[in-house]
Amino acid sequence: MDLPLAIDANRNRLLLALAGLAAMIGDGETVLRHVRWAVLAVLRPAEAALRRLIAVAAIDVVIGPTRAGPKGGLPRGKRSAERVPCFALFDRRLQVDPKQKRVRGFGPNIRFLDGEDIMPPANNAPKPDDPVSAAALRQRLAALLNALNDIPGNAKRLARALAKKPRPMRAMRPGRPPGFRAKGKRAIDEVLADCHALALLALHEAAPP
């Protein structure tokens, strides 16, 4: 298997998805809430797919002397506040509390109490057309683009991070990756499925007997 060729092909597919997300956000300081939801629905699997490409690229990385890197992200621009956050190399682990009980629905709405007509509280549920800040989305897109443009550098970051772990650990969490859809037909679903399969196969072949 030509791993560099596979990594580059999937990188180009992720760059195309990233361009679509940037167009959805636009240039404003805010986006509508439903737009944010739509962006996150593509951004999460795109980030997971890139983590798998980085994991594949890190297989043959040889750890050498390390230098301390900049804290708080990579500086961009003339102002120190303009920083691109480092791309998260590890999937978020699923945390399930077996003691936590799920409660369906809401409690009763009481309108009459002690003879007074008390109106129920106003419905403050978020609405799809509410404007929300686009700053966090822009930071995640910037981190994703930065990592896509430097997969070898992030592979070294990952290799160094794994070398510091006291026990064997992988960047990918067990089971399905973040943003995975079993029967997803979107382009990003296919990219994530291909990157996940590539990473599983490459890591299995690289594992010591």
C-alpha atoms as a PDB file:
ATOM      1  CA  MET A   1       0.000   0.000   0.000  1.00  0.00           C
ATOM      2  CA  ASP A   2       1.294   3.447  -0.953  1.00  0.00           C
ATOM      3  CA  LEU A   3       0.571   5.304   2.299  1.00  0.00           C
ATOM      4  CA  PRO A   4       1.900   8.728   1.208  1.00  0.00           C
ATOM      5  CA  LEU A   5      -0.293   8.605  -1.904  1.00  0.00           C
ATOM      6  CA  ALA A   6      -3.355   7.617   0.145  1.00  0.00           C
ATOM      7  CA  ILE A   7      -2.681  10.374   2.680  1.00  0.00           C
ATOM      8  CA  ASP A   8      -2.314  12.997  -0.044  1.00  0.00           C
ATOM      9  CA  ALA A   9      -5.479  11.899  -1.847  1.00  0.00           C
ATOM     10  CA  ASN A  10      -7.578  12.107   1.303  1.00  0.00           C
ATOM     11  CA  ARG A  11      -5.918  15.391   2.263  1.00  0.00           C
ATOM     12  CA  ASN A  12      -7.175  16.907  -0.984  1.00  0.00           C
ATOM     13  CA  ARG A  13     -10.689  15.665  -0.239  1.00  0.00           C
ATOM     14  CA  LEU A  14     -10.556  17.282   3.201  1.00  0.00           C
ATOM     15  CA  LEU A  15      -9.312  20.559   1.718  1.00  0.00           C
ATOM     16  CA  LEU A  16     -12.349  20.562  -0.563  1.00  0.00           C
ATOM     17  CA  ALA A  17     -14.651  20.001   2.411  1.00  0.00           C
ATOM     18  CA  LEU A  18     -12.889  22.776   4.319  1.00  0.00           C
ATOM     19  CA  ALA A  19     -13.447  25.223   1.471  1.00  0.00           C
ATOM     20  CA  GLY A  20     -17.160  24.448   1.599  1.00  0.00           C
ATOM     21  CA  LEU A  21     -17.272  25.076   5.349  1.00  0.00           C
ATOM     22  CA  ALA A  22     -15.500  28.410   4.975  1.00  0.00           C
ATOM     23  CA  ALA A  23     -18.074  29.453   2.386  1.00  0.00           C
ATOM     24  CA  MET A  24     -20.908  28.483   4.736  1.00  0.00           C
ATOM     25  CA  ILE A  25     -19.526  30.632   7.567  1.00  0.00           C
ATOM     26  CA  GLY A  26     -18.816  33.667   5.386  1.00  0.00           C
ATOM     27  CA  ASP A  27     -17.058  36.822   6.578  1.00  0.00           C
ATOM     28  CA  GLY A  28     -19.403  37.970   9.347  1.00  0.00           C
ATOM     29  CA  GLU A  29     -18.767  37.843  13.064  1.00  0.00           C
ATOM     30  CA  THR A  30     -21.887  35.752  13.606  1.00  0.00           C
ATOM     31  CA  VAL A  31     -23.706  32.925  11.881  1.00  0.00           C
ATOM     32  CA  LEU A  32     -27.208  31.623  12.277  1.00  0.00           C
ATOM     33  CA  ARG A  33     -27.508  28.768  14.724  1.00  0.00           C
ATOM     34  CA  HIS A  34     -28.706  26.304  12.094  1.00  0.00           C
ATOM     35  CA  VAL A  35     -25.667  27.179   9.968  1.00  0.00           C
ATOM     36  CA  ARG A  36     -23.425  26.467  12.956  1.00  0.00           C
ATOM     37  CA  TRP A  37     -25.090  23.083  13.395  1.00  0.00           C
ATOM     38  CA  ALA A  38     -24.591  22.300   9.717  1.00  0.00           C
ATOM     39  CA  VAL A  39     -20.915  23.299   9.885  1.00  0.00           C
ATOM     40  CA  LEU A  40     -20.292  21.171  12.973  1.00  0.00           C
ATOM     41  CA  ALA A  41     -21.972  18.196  11.301  1.00  0.00           C
ATOM     42  CA  VAL A  42     -19.181  18.264   8.697  1.00  0.00           C
ATOM     43  CA  LEU A  43     -16.382  19.652  10.841  1.00  0.00           C
ATOM     44  CA  ARG A  44     -16.415  16.853  13.435  1.00  0.00           C
ATOM     45  CA  PRO A  45     -15.941  14.001  10.926  1.00  0.00           C
ATOM     46  CA  ALA A  46     -13.382  16.084   9.006  1.00  0.00           C
ATOM     47  CA  GLU A  47     -11.310  16.520  12.165  1.00  0.00           C
ATOM     48  CA  ALA A  48     -11.584  12.803  12.937  1.00  0.00           C
ATOM     49  CA  ALA A  49     -10.512  11.909   9.400  1.00  0.00           C
ATOM     50  CA  LEU A  50      -7.449  14.154   9.636  1.00  0.00           C
ATOM     51  CA  ARG A  51      -6.451  12.593  12.971  1.00  0.00           C
ATOM     52  CA  ARG A  52      -6.394   9.239  11.243  1.00  0.00           C
ATOM     53  CA  LEU A  53      -4.224  10.532   8.419  1.00  0.00           C
ATOM     54  CA  ILE A  54      -1.821  11.986  10.986  1.00  0.00           C
ATOM     55  CA  ALA A  55      -1.783   8.665  12.852  1.00  0.00           C
ATOM     56  CA  VAL A  56      -0.822   6.879   9.639  1.00  0.00           C
ATOM     57  CA  ALA A  57       1.888   9.441   8.883  1.00  0.00           C
ATOM     58  CA  ALA A  58       3.287   9.018  12.412  1.00  0.00           C
ATOM     59  CA  ILE A  59       3.916   5.282  12.021  1.00  0.00           C
ATOM     60  CA  ASP A  60       7.421   5.677  10.591  1.00  0.00           C
ATOM     61  CA  VAL A  61       8.395   8.793  12.549  1.00  0.00           C
ATOM     62  CA  VAL A  62      11.643   8.418  14.507  1.00  0.00           C
ATOM     63  CA  ILE A  63      11.715  10.443  17.701  1.00  0.00           C
ATOM     64  CA  GLY A  64      14.804  12.642  18.123  1.00  0.00           C
ATOM     65  CA  PRO A  65      15.723  15.584  20.355  1.00  0.00           C
ATOM     66  CA  THR A  66      12.750  17.844  20.963  1.00  0.00           C
ATOM     67  CA  ARG A  67      12.446  21.556  21.496  1.00  0.00           C
ATOM     68  CA  ALA A  68       9.744  23.369  23.387  1.00  0.00           C
ATOM     69  CA  GLY A  69       7.207  24.835  21.000  1.00  0.00           C
ATOM     70  CA  PRO A  70       5.122  27.991  21.381  1.00  0.00           C
ATOM     71  CA  LYS A  71       2.443  27.904  24.043  1.00  0.00           C
ATOM     72  CA  GLY A  72      -1.160  28.709  23.304  1.00  0.00           C
ATOM     73  CA  GLY A  73      -1.044  27.820  19.624  1.00  0.00           C
ATOM     74  CA  LEU A  74       0.893  28.967  16.602  1.00  0.00           C
ATOM     75  CA  PRO A  75       1.304  32.758  16.218  1.00  0.00           C
ATOM     76  CA  ARG A  76      -0.140  34.269  13.068  1.00  0.00           C
ATOM     77  CA  GLY A  77      -0.132  37.954  12.086  1.00  0.00           C
ATOM     78  CA  LYS A  78       1.440  40.966  13.764  1.00  0.00           C
ATOM     79  CA  ARG A  79      -0.711  40.947  16.876  1.00  0.00           C
ATOM     80  CA  SER A  80       0.087  38.391  19.566  1.00  0.00           C
ATOM     81  CA  ALA A  81      -3.638  37.807  20.049  1.00  0.00           C
ATOM     82  CA  GLU A  82      -3.926  36.375  16.540  1.00  0.00           C
ATOM     83  CA  ARG A  83      -3.100  32.762  17.226  1.00  0.00           C
ATOM     84  CA  VAL A  84      -4.101  29.570  15.499  1.00  0.00           C
ATOM     85  CA  PRO A  85      -4.852  26.890  18.114  1.00  0.00           C
ATOM     86  CA  CYS A  86      -2.984  23.628  17.744  1.00  0.00           C
ATOM     87  CA  PHE A  87      -5.000  20.864  16.135  1.00  0.00           C
ATOM     88  CA  ALA A  88      -6.215  18.253  18.640  1.00  0.00           C
ATOM     89  CA  LEU A  89      -4.389  15.023  17.810  1.00  0.00           C
ATOM     90  CA  PHE A  90      -6.467  12.715  20.030  1.00  0.00           C
ATOM     91  CA  ASP A  91     -10.129  11.770  19.785  1.00  0.00           C
ATOM     92  CA  ARG A  92     -12.237  12.746  22.744  1.00  0.00           C
ATOM     93  CA  ARG A  93     -12.872   9.626  24.777  1.00  0.00           C
ATOM     94  CA  LEU A  94     -16.467   8.663  25.425  1.00  0.00           C
ATOM     95  CA  GLN A  95     -17.380   9.009  29.080  1.00  0.00           C
ATOM     96  CA  VAL A  96     -20.528   7.197  30.131  1.00  0.00           C
ATOM     97  CA  ASP A  97     -21.720   7.297  33.719  1.00  0.00           C
ATOM     98  CA  PRO A  98     -23.682   4.065  34.389  1.00  0.00           C
ATOM     99  CA  LYS A  99     -25.311   5.678  37.449  1.00  0.00           C
ATOM    100  CA  GLN A 100     -26.718   8.587  35.480  1.00  0.00           C
ATOM    101  CA  LYS A 101     -30.408   8.241  34.705  1.00  0.00           C
ATOM    102  CA  ARG A 102     -32.058   9.835  31.743  1.00  0.00           C
ATOM    103  CA  VAL A 103     -35.275  11.707  32.387  1.00  0.00           C
ATOM    104  CA  ARG A 104     -37.662  12.018  29.489  1.00  0.00           C
ATOM    105  CA  GLY A 105     -39.621  15.159  28.902  1.00  0.00           C
ATOM    106  CA  PHE A 106     -40.202  18.004  31.311  1.00  0.00           C
ATOM    107  CA  GLY A 107     -42.020  18.408  34.583  1.00  0.00           C
ATOM    108  CA  PRO A 108     -45.636  19.549  34.801  1.00  0.00           C
ATOM    109  CA  ASN A 109     -46.481  23.151  33.987  1.00  0.00           C
ATOM    110  CA  ILE A 110     -48.440  24.571  36.950  1.00  0.00           C
ATOM    111  CA  ARG A 111     -50.693  27.499  36.096  1.00  0.00           C
ATOM    112  CA  PHE A 112     -52.806  27.751  39.224  1.00  0.00           C
ATOM    113  CA  LEU A 113     -51.191  28.013  42.611  1.00  0.00           C
ATOM    114  CA  ASP A 114     -52.950  29.350  45.732  1.00  0.00           C
ATOM    115  CA  GLY A 115     -55.668  30.819  43.575  1.00  0.00           C
ATOM    116  CA  GLU A 116     -53.295  32.928  41.476  1.00  0.00           C
ATOM    117  CA  ASP A 117     -52.921  32.546  37.743  1.00  0.00           C
ATOM    118  CA  ILE A 118     -49.167  32.042  37.343  1.00  0.00           C
ATOM    119  CA  MET A 119     -47.957  31.885  33.771  1.00  0.00           C
ATOM    120  CA  PRO A 120     -45.330  29.259  32.931  1.00  0.00           C
ATOM    121  CA  PRO A 121     -41.812  30.545  32.218  1.00  0.00           C
ATOM    122  CA  ALA A 122     -41.138  31.783  28.736  1.00  0.00           C
ATOM    123  CA  ASN A 123     -39.692  29.315  26.268  1.00  0.00           C
ATOM    124  CA  ASN A 124     -36.040  30.284  26.000  1.00  0.00           C
ATOM    125  CA  ALA A 125     -35.030  27.278  23.928  1.00  0.00           C
ATOM    126  CA  PRO A 126     -32.469  28.102  21.237  1.00  0.00           C
ATOM    127  CA  LYS A 127     -33.995  28.815  17.856  1.00  0.00           C
ATOM    128  CA  PRO A 128     -32.435  27.833  14.513  1.00  0.00           C
ATOM    129  CA  ASP A 129     -32.363  31.440  13.292  1.00  0.00           C
ATOM    130  CA  ASP A 130     -30.653  32.882  16.381  1.00  0.00           C
ATOM    131  CA  PRO A 131     -27.326  34.593  15.574  1.00  0.00           C
ATOM    132  CA  VAL A 132     -24.333  33.053  17.382  1.00  0.00           C
ATOM    133  CA  SER A 133     -20.640  33.896  17.391  1.00  0.00           C
ATOM    134  CA  ALA A 134     -18.566  32.404  14.585  1.00  0.00           C
ATOM    135  CA  ALA A 135     -15.233  32.879  16.401  1.00  0.00           C
ATOM    136  CA  ALA A 136     -14.956  29.310  17.734  1.00  0.00           C
ATOM    137  CA  LEU A 137     -15.790  27.841  14.330  1.00  0.00           C
ATOM    138  CA  ARG A 138     -13.163  30.011  12.664  1.00  0.00           C
ATOM    139  CA  GLN A 139     -10.531  28.863  15.143  1.00  0.00           C
ATOM    140  CA  ARG A 140     -11.319  25.210  14.521  1.00  0.00           C
ATOM    141  CA  LEU A 141     -11.254  25.728  10.765  1.00  0.00           C
ATOM    142  CA  ALA A 142      -7.913  27.530  11.064  1.00  0.00           C
ATOM    143  CA  ALA A 143      -6.469  24.710  13.178  1.00  0.00           C
ATOM    144  CA  LEU A 144      -7.748  22.151  10.676  1.00  0.00           C
ATOM    145  CA  LEU A 145      -6.264  24.017   7.709  1.00  0.00           C
ATOM    146  CA  ASN A 146      -2.937  24.485   9.493  1.00  0.00           C
ATOM    147  CA  ALA A 147      -2.736  20.759  10.240  1.00  0.00           C
ATOM    148  CA  LEU A 148      -3.720  19.815   6.679  1.00  0.00           C
ATOM    149  CA  ASN A 149      -0.865  21.975   5.401  1.00  0.00           C
ATOM    150  CA  ASP A 150       1.641  20.306   7.720  1.00  0.00           C
ATOM    151  CA  ILE A 151       0.711  16.652   8.196  1.00  0.00           C
ATOM    152  CA  PRO A 152       4.392  15.584   8.624  1.00  0.00           C
ATOM    153  CA  GLY A 153       4.897  18.160  11.374  1.00  0.00           C
ATOM    154  CA  ASN A 154       1.764  17.042  13.189  1.00  0.00           C
ATOM    155  CA  ALA A 155       2.824  13.420  12.774  1.00  0.00           C
ATOM    156  CA  LYS A 156       5.997  14.292  14.692  1.00  0.00           C
ATOM    157  CA  ARG A 157       3.891  16.007  17.348  1.00  0.00           C
ATOM    158  CA  LEU A 158       1.802  12.880  17.690  1.00  0.00           C
ATOM    159  CA  ALA A 159       4.795  10.578  17.831  1.00  0.00           C
ATOM    160  CA  ARG A 160       6.369  12.681  20.584  1.00  0.00           C
ATOM    161  CA  ALA A 161       3.096  12.780  22.525  1.00  0.00           C
ATOM    162  CA  LEU A 162       2.662   9.003  22.286  1.00  0.00           C
ATOM    163  CA  ALA A 163       6.266   8.445  23.376  1.00  0.00           C
ATOM    164  CA  LYS A 164       5.566  10.344  26.593  1.00  0.00           C
ATOM    165  CA  LYS A 165       2.576   8.190  27.518  1.00  0.00           C
ATOM    166  CA  PRO A 166       3.245   5.758  30.392  1.00  0.00           C
ATOM    167  CA  ARG A 167       1.278   3.037  28.644  1.00  0.00           C
ATOM    168  CA  PRO A 168       0.546   2.191  25.004  1.00  0.00           C
ATOM    169  CA  MET A 169      -2.044   4.567  23.606  1.00  0.00           C
ATOM    170  CA  ARG A 170      -3.446   5.511  20.232  1.00  0.00           C
ATOM    171  CA  ALA A 171      -4.792   8.767  18.931  1.00  0.00           C
ATOM    172  CA  MET A 172      -7.993   7.007  17.878  1.00  0.00           C
ATOM    173  CA  ARG A 173     -10.564   6.020  20.447  1.00  0.00           C
ATOM    174  CA  PRO A 174     -11.973   2.469  20.334  1.00  0.00           C
ATOM    175  CA  GLY A 175     -15.092   1.921  18.275  1.00  0.00           C
ATOM    176  CA  ARG A 176     -16.613   4.403  15.882  1.00  0.00           C
ATOM    177  CA  PRO A 177     -14.783   7.673  15.252  1.00  0.00           C
ATOM    178  CA  PRO A 178     -16.334  11.041  16.147  1.00  0.00           C
ATOM    179  CA  GLY A 179     -18.900  12.149  13.599  1.00  0.00           C
ATOM    180  CA  PHE A 180     -19.261   8.663  12.082  1.00  0.00           C
ATOM    181  CA  ARG A 181     -22.544   7.760  10.404  1.00  0.00           C
ATOM    182  CA  ALA A 182     -23.180   4.088   9.748  1.00  0.00           C
ATOM    183  CA  LYS A 183     -25.208   4.732   6.590  1.00  0.00           C
ATOM    184  CA  GLY A 184     -23.912   8.182   5.789  1.00  0.00           C
ATOM    185  CA  LYS A 185     -24.030   9.149   2.133  1.00  0.00           C
ATOM    186  CA  ARG A 186     -22.388  12.554   2.366  1.00  0.00           C
ATOM    187  CA  ALA A 187     -18.953  13.102   0.861  1.00  0.00           C
ATOM    188  CA  ILE A 188     -17.445  13.689   4.317  1.00  0.00           C
ATOM    189  CA  ASP A 189     -18.911  10.382   5.540  1.00  0.00           C
ATOM    190  CA  GLU A 190     -17.062   8.562   2.776  1.00  0.00           C
ATOM    191  CA  VAL A 191     -13.825  10.418   3.559  1.00  0.00           C
ATOM    192  CA  LEU A 192     -14.025   9.513   7.245  1.00  0.00           C
ATOM    193  CA  ALA A 193     -14.827   5.883   6.491  1.00  0.00           C
ATOM    194  CA  ASP A 194     -11.885   5.639   4.077  1.00  0.00           C
ATOM    195  CA  CYS A 195      -9.451   7.354   6.476  1.00  0.00           C
ATOM    196  CA  HIS A 196     -10.588   5.180   9.380  1.00  0.00           C
ATOM    197  CA  ALA A 197     -10.157   1.990   7.372  1.00  0.00           C
ATOM    198  CA  LEU A 198      -6.760   3.174   6.141  1.00  0.00           C
ATOM    199  CA  ALA A 199      -5.585   3.909   9.690  1.00  0.00           C
ATOM    200  CA  LEU A 200      -6.800   0.584  11.064  1.00  0.00           C
ATOM    201  CA  LEU A 201      -5.077  -1.348   8.291  1.00  0.00           C
ATOM    202  CA  ALA A 202      -1.825   0.644   8.477  1.00  0.00           C
ATOM    203  CA  LEU A 203      -1.599   0.420  12.276  1.00  0.00           C
ATOM    204  CA  HIS A 204      -2.371  -3.308  12.176  1.00  0.00           C
ATOM    205  CA  GLU A 205       0.376  -3.950   9.636  1.00  0.00           C
ATOM    206  CA  ALA A 206       2.821  -1.811  11.607  1.00  0.00           C
ATOM    207  CA  ALA A 207       2.079  -3.520  14.932  1.00  0.00           C
ATOM    208  CA  PRO A 208       4.859  -5.825  16.184  1.00  0.00           C
ATOM    209  CA  PRO A 209       4.073  -9.545  15.885  1.00  0.00           C
END
